Amino acid sequence: MMTDIQKMTSQDFQPYLGQNFNIALTEGSCALELLEASTLGTGARDGGAFSLLWQGPTTPALQQGTYEIEQPHLSGPF
């Protein structure tokens, strides 16, 4: 069963702090470590508003945008 990202909260990511997620790029993928998952308020969606802080390699330099991510223990991609 796939995870419903519309209902996810920062708490859903807490068990994965310090773990790597793969981010899909145009050419290949890149591993990012999840450093922080913070609640930002109620928000309009079921899961409320939250922020995720990532750390990755210096190359490739990722531009601000939306990326598909995968983590082996979550049903994704997101």
C-alpha atoms as a PDB file:
ATOM      1  CA  MET A   1       0.000   0.000   0.000  1.00  0.00           C
ATOM      2  CA  MET A   2       1.313   3.430  -0.945  1.00  0.00           C
ATOM      3  CA  THR A   3       1.685   6.189   1.657  1.00  0.00           C
ATOM      4  CA  ASP A   4      -0.871   8.999   1.315  1.00  0.00           C
ATOM      5  CA  ILE A   5       1.398  12.066   1.291  1.00  0.00           C
ATOM      6  CA  GLN A   6      -1.607  14.346   1.792  1.00  0.00           C
ATOM      7  CA  LYS A   7      -1.982  12.969   5.328  1.00  0.00           C
ATOM      8  CA  MET A   8       1.679  12.781   6.334  1.00  0.00           C
ATOM      9  CA  THR A   9       2.969  14.892   9.228  1.00  0.00           C
ATOM     10  CA  SER A  10       6.421  15.724  10.540  1.00  0.00           C
ATOM     11  CA  GLN A  11       5.911  12.848  13.010  1.00  0.00           C
ATOM     12  CA  ASP A  12       5.857  10.383  10.109  1.00  0.00           C
ATOM     13  CA  PHE A  13       9.456  11.372   9.336  1.00  0.00           C
ATOM     14  CA  GLN A  14      10.824  11.353  12.925  1.00  0.00           C
ATOM     15  CA  PRO A  15      11.855   7.651  12.829  1.00  0.00           C
ATOM     16  CA  TYR A  16      13.930   8.355   9.712  1.00  0.00           C
ATOM     17  CA  LEU A  17      16.086  11.201  11.076  1.00  0.00           C
ATOM     18  CA  GLY A  18      19.715  10.497  10.224  1.00  0.00           C
ATOM     19  CA  GLN A  19      18.745   8.098   7.449  1.00  0.00           C
ATOM     20  CA  ASN A  20      19.260   8.495   3.722  1.00  0.00           C
ATOM     21  CA  PHE A  21      16.543   9.078   1.158  1.00  0.00           C
ATOM     22  CA  ASN A  22      17.152   8.802  -2.584  1.00  0.00           C
ATOM     23  CA  ILE A  23      16.166  11.745  -4.739  1.00  0.00           C
ATOM     24  CA  ALA A  24      15.363  11.145  -8.396  1.00  0.00           C
ATOM     25  CA  LEU A  25      17.283  13.373 -10.800  1.00  0.00           C
ATOM     26  CA  THR A  26      17.106  13.759 -14.562  1.00  0.00           C
ATOM     27  CA  GLU A  27      20.239  11.627 -14.779  1.00  0.00           C
ATOM     28  CA  GLY A  28      20.346   9.070 -11.976  1.00  0.00           C
ATOM     29  CA  SER A  29      19.762   9.723  -8.302  1.00  0.00           C
ATOM     30  CA  CYS A  30      21.393  11.265  -5.241  1.00  0.00           C
ATOM     31  CA  ALA A  31      21.286  10.334  -1.528  1.00  0.00           C
ATOM     32  CA  LEU A  32      20.160  12.975   0.984  1.00  0.00           C
ATOM     33  CA  GLU A  33      20.267  12.587   4.766  1.00  0.00           C
ATOM     34  CA  LEU A  34      17.178  13.719   6.675  1.00  0.00           C
ATOM     35  CA  LEU A  35      18.426  16.042   9.436  1.00  0.00           C
ATOM     36  CA  GLU A  36      15.231  17.565  10.800  1.00  0.00           C
ATOM     37  CA  ALA A  37      11.436  17.259  10.598  1.00  0.00           C
ATOM     38  CA  SER A  38       9.556  20.209  12.129  1.00  0.00           C
ATOM     39  CA  THR A  39       5.883  21.065  12.529  1.00  0.00           C
ATOM     40  CA  LEU A  40       5.043  24.543  11.186  1.00  0.00           C
ATOM     41  CA  GLY A  41       1.402  24.962  12.189  1.00  0.00           C
ATOM     42  CA  THR A  42      -1.975  23.630  11.230  1.00  0.00           C
ATOM     43  CA  GLY A  43      -1.996  24.245   7.472  1.00  0.00           C
ATOM     44  CA  ALA A  44      -4.925  23.595   5.155  1.00  0.00           C
ATOM     45  CA  ARG A  45      -4.162  19.930   4.448  1.00  0.00           C
ATOM     46  CA  ASP A  46      -4.978  16.968   6.710  1.00  0.00           C
ATOM     47  CA  GLY A  47      -1.345  16.475   7.723  1.00  0.00           C
ATOM     48  CA  GLY A  48      -0.795  20.124   8.616  1.00  0.00           C
ATOM     49  CA  ALA A  49       2.252  22.137   7.599  1.00  0.00           C
ATOM     50  CA  PHE A  50       5.763  20.836   8.179  1.00  0.00           C
ATOM     51  CA  SER A  51       9.344  21.326   7.053  1.00  0.00           C
ATOM     52  CA  LEU A  52      12.062  18.781   6.273  1.00  0.00           C
ATOM     53  CA  LEU A  53      15.766  19.690   6.384  1.00  0.00           C
ATOM     54  CA  TRP A  54      18.126  17.642   4.209  1.00  0.00           C
ATOM     55  CA  GLN A  55      21.888  17.391   3.766  1.00  0.00           C
ATOM     56  CA  GLY A  56      23.557  15.975   0.686  1.00  0.00           C
ATOM     57  CA  PRO A  57      26.719  16.090  -1.376  1.00  0.00           C
ATOM     58  CA  THR A  58      28.010  19.360  -2.846  1.00  0.00           C
ATOM     59  CA  THR A  59      27.515  17.979  -6.350  1.00  0.00           C
ATOM     60  CA  PRO A  60      25.195  17.871  -8.047  1.00  0.00           C
ATOM     61  CA  ALA A  61      23.923  21.251  -6.845  1.00  0.00           C
ATOM     62  CA  LEU A  62      20.158  20.923  -6.501  1.00  0.00           C
ATOM     63  CA  GLN A  63      18.028  23.875  -7.511  1.00  0.00           C
ATOM     64  CA  GLN A  64      14.981  24.834  -5.500  1.00  0.00           C
ATOM     65  CA  GLY A  65      12.083  22.772  -6.745  1.00  0.00           C
ATOM     66  CA  THR A  66      10.037  19.640  -6.272  1.00  0.00           C
ATOM     67  CA  TYR A  67      11.807  16.285  -6.361  1.00  0.00           C
ATOM     68  CA  GLU A  68      10.619  12.695  -6.095  1.00  0.00           C
ATOM     69  CA  ILE A  69      12.137  10.995  -3.055  1.00  0.00           C
ATOM     70  CA  GLU A  70      12.269   7.368  -1.948  1.00  0.00           C
ATOM     71  CA  GLN A  71      13.079   5.677   1.347  1.00  0.00           C
ATOM     72  CA  PRO A  72      13.112   1.866   1.574  1.00  0.00           C
ATOM     73  CA  HIS A  73      10.958   1.730   4.731  1.00  0.00           C
ATOM     74  CA  LEU A  74       8.246   4.131   3.509  1.00  0.00           C
ATOM     75  CA  SER A  75       5.823   3.278   0.738  1.00  0.00           C
ATOM     76  CA  GLY A  76       6.711   5.867  -1.879  1.00  0.00           C
ATOM     77  CA  PRO A  77       7.925   7.499  -3.986  1.00  0.00           C
ATOM     78  CA  PHE A  78       6.731  10.917  -2.848  1.00  0.00           C
END
